[in-house]
C-alpha atoms as a PDB file:
ATOM      1  CA  UNK A   1     201.472 131.091 259.952  1.00  0.00           C
ATOM      2  CA  UNK A   2     201.833 127.989 262.119  1.00  0.00           C
ATOM      3  CA  UNK A   3     202.710 124.531 260.844  1.00  0.00           C
ATOM      4  CA  UNK A   4     201.686 121.717 263.145  1.00  0.00           C
ATOM      5  CA  UNK A   5     202.711 118.155 262.463  1.00  0.00           C
ATOM      6  CA  UNK A   6     203.195 114.909 264.363  1.00  0.00           C
ATOM      7  CA  UNK A   7     206.869 114.193 264.891  1.00  0.00           C
ATOM      8  CA  UNK A   8     207.183 111.258 262.561  1.00  0.00           C
ATOM      9  CA  UNK A   9     206.137 108.570 265.031  1.00  0.00           C
ATOM     10  CA  UNK A  10     203.591 106.808 262.864  1.00  0.00           C
ATOM     11  CA  UNK A  11     204.086 108.025 259.282  1.00  0.00           C
ATOM     12  CA  UNK A  12     206.736 108.933 256.768  1.00  0.00           C
ATOM     13  CA  UNK A  13     207.194 112.731 256.810  1.00  0.00           C
ATOM     14  CA  UNK A  14     207.287 114.740 253.621  1.00  0.00           C
ATOM     15  CA  UNK A  15     210.646 116.211 252.603  1.00  0.00           C
ATOM     16  CA  UNK A  16     209.934 119.754 253.855  1.00  0.00           C
ATOM     17  CA  UNK A  17     208.984 118.624 257.346  1.00  0.00           C
ATOM     18  CA  UNK A  18     211.924 116.238 257.466  1.00  0.00           C
ATOM     19  CA  UNK A  19     214.270 119.095 256.585  1.00  0.00           C
ATOM     20  CA  UNK A  20     212.810 121.295 259.339  1.00  0.00           C
ATOM     21  CA  UNK A  21     212.981 118.441 261.845  1.00  0.00           C
ATOM     22  CA  UNK A  22     216.588 117.594 260.978  1.00  0.00           C
ATOM     23  CA  UNK A  23     217.611 121.259 261.262  1.00  0.00           C
ATOM     24  CA  UNK A  24     215.972 121.629 264.670  1.00  0.00           C
ATOM     25  CA  UNK A  25     217.658 118.462 265.965  1.00  0.00           C
ATOM     26  CA  UNK A  26     221.013 120.116 265.295  1.00  0.00           C
ATOM     27  CA  UNK A  27     220.407 123.055 267.659  1.00  0.00           C
ATOM     28  CA  UNK A  28     223.020 122.363 270.328  1.00  0.00           C
ATOM     29  CA  UNK A  29     222.768 122.969 274.038  1.00  0.00           C
ATOM     30  CA  UNK A  30     219.030 122.494 274.567  1.00  0.00           C
ATOM     31  CA  UNK A  31     217.463 119.742 276.623  1.00  0.00           C
ATOM     32  CA  UNK A  32     214.091 119.234 274.989  1.00  0.00           C
ATOM     33  CA  UNK A  33     211.795 116.835 276.895  1.00  0.00           C
ATOM     34  CA  UNK A  34     210.013 113.970 275.163  1.00  0.00           C
ATOM     35  CA  UNK A  35     207.589 115.295 272.539  1.00  0.00           C
ATOM     36  CA  UNK A  36     205.311 113.910 269.845  1.00  0.00           C
ATOM     37  CA  UNK A  37     204.427 117.107 267.962  1.00  0.00           C
ATOM     38  CA  UNK A  38     206.045 120.395 266.974  1.00  0.00           C
ATOM     39  CA  UNK A  39     204.308 123.648 266.050  1.00  0.00           C
ATOM     40  CA  UNK A  40     206.391 126.085 264.003  1.00  0.00           C
ATOM     41  CA  UNK A  41     205.381 129.747 263.771  1.00  0.00           C
ATOM     42  CA  UNK A  42     206.994 131.952 261.108  1.00  0.00           C
ATOM     43  CA  UNK A  43     207.392 135.721 260.793  1.00  0.00           C
ATOM     44  CA  UNK A  44     204.775 136.750 258.227  1.00  0.00           C
ATOM     45  CA  UNK A  45     205.425 135.248 254.812  1.00  0.00           C
ATOM     46  CA  UNK A  46     209.193 134.851 255.390  1.00  0.00           C
ATOM     47  CA  UNK A  47     211.032 131.597 256.021  1.00  0.00           C
ATOM     48  CA  UNK A  48     212.283 132.979 259.364  1.00  0.00           C
ATOM     49  CA  UNK A  49     211.027 130.976 262.334  1.00  0.00           C
ATOM     50  CA  UNK A  50     209.458 132.981 265.176  1.00  0.00           C
ATOM     51  CA  UNK A  51     208.980 130.078 267.586  1.00  0.00           C
ATOM     52  CA  UNK A  52     208.982 126.310 267.800  1.00  0.00           C
ATOM     53  CA  UNK A  53     206.695 124.740 270.372  1.00  0.00           C
ATOM     54  CA  UNK A  54     207.286 121.136 271.410  1.00  0.00           C
ATOM     55  CA  UNK A  55     204.222 119.269 272.678  1.00  0.00           C
ATOM     56  CA  UNK A  56     203.628 115.874 274.239  1.00  0.00           C
ATOM     57  CA  UNK A  57     200.030 114.680 274.125  1.00  0.00           C
ATOM     58  CA  UNK A  58     198.959 118.217 273.199  1.00  0.00           C
ATOM     59  CA  UNK A  59     200.676 119.731 276.270  1.00  0.00           C
ATOM     60  CA  UNK A  60     203.609 122.130 275.682  1.00  0.00           C
ATOM     61  CA  UNK A  61     206.923 120.843 277.099  1.00  0.00           C
ATOM     62  CA  UNK A  62     209.279 123.484 275.647  1.00  0.00           C
ATOM     63  CA  UNK A  63     209.247 126.543 273.387  1.00  0.00           C
ATOM     64  CA  UNK A  64     212.148 127.940 271.361  1.00  0.00           C
ATOM     65  CA  UNK A  65     211.995 131.658 270.574  1.00  0.00           C
ATOM     66  CA  UNK A  66     214.258 133.091 267.866  1.00  0.00           C
ATOM     67  CA  UNK A  67     215.343 136.744 267.586  1.00  0.00           C
ATOM     68  CA  UNK A  68     217.008 137.982 264.413  1.00  0.00           C
ATOM     69  CA  UNK A  69     219.572 140.704 263.711  1.00  0.00           C
ATOM     70  CA  UNK A  70     216.749 142.667 262.052  1.00  0.00           C
ATOM     71  CA  UNK A  71     213.724 142.005 264.228  1.00  0.00           C
ATOM     72  CA  UNK A  72     211.107 141.405 263.050  1.00  0.00           C
ATOM     73  CA  UNK A  73     212.691 140.106 259.863  1.00  0.00           C
ATOM     74  CA  UNK A  74     211.051 141.176 256.612  1.00  0.00           C
ATOM     75  CA  UNK A  75     213.210 139.188 254.172  1.00  0.00           C
ATOM     76  CA  UNK A  76     214.060 135.488 254.016  1.00  0.00           C
ATOM     77  CA  UNK A  77     217.189 134.045 255.622  1.00  0.00           C
ATOM     78  CA  UNK A  78     217.798 136.839 258.144  1.00  0.00           C
ATOM     79  CA  UNK A  79     220.730 136.236 260.511  1.00  0.00           C
ATOM     80  CA  UNK A  80     219.851 134.869 263.952  1.00  0.00           C
ATOM     81  CA  UNK A  81     220.881 136.951 266.980  1.00  0.00           C
ATOM     82  CA  UNK A  82     219.403 134.983 269.913  1.00  0.00           C
ATOM     83  CA  UNK A  83     217.792 131.584 270.466  1.00  0.00           C
ATOM     84  CA  UNK A  84     216.008 131.129 273.785  1.00  0.00           C
ATOM     85  CA  UNK A  85     214.234 128.102 275.254  1.00  0.00           C
ATOM     86  CA  UNK A  86     211.413 128.292 277.780  1.00  0.00           C
ATOM     87  CA  UNK A  87     209.910 125.430 279.765  1.00  0.00           C
ATOM     88  CA  UNK A  88     206.318 125.658 281.081  1.00  0.00           C
END
């Protein structure tokens, strides 16, 4: 499942998207270029994020990949082992 949403530049986000956005802003140590959209891909029906792609004008500028202690996770709220960022 992928959720794609503009990054709150021209509308008030709903609470769920705001929560996701605020959580992602708190990931320290990453230099994410200017973006206007994020696409979030989850593992199956869990709440565990597989990847977060940052786009600017529809063009990817960075992608976060998340690996969990049990990978792939099959239950919600699995512990994160590795977070990696890739730039195109």
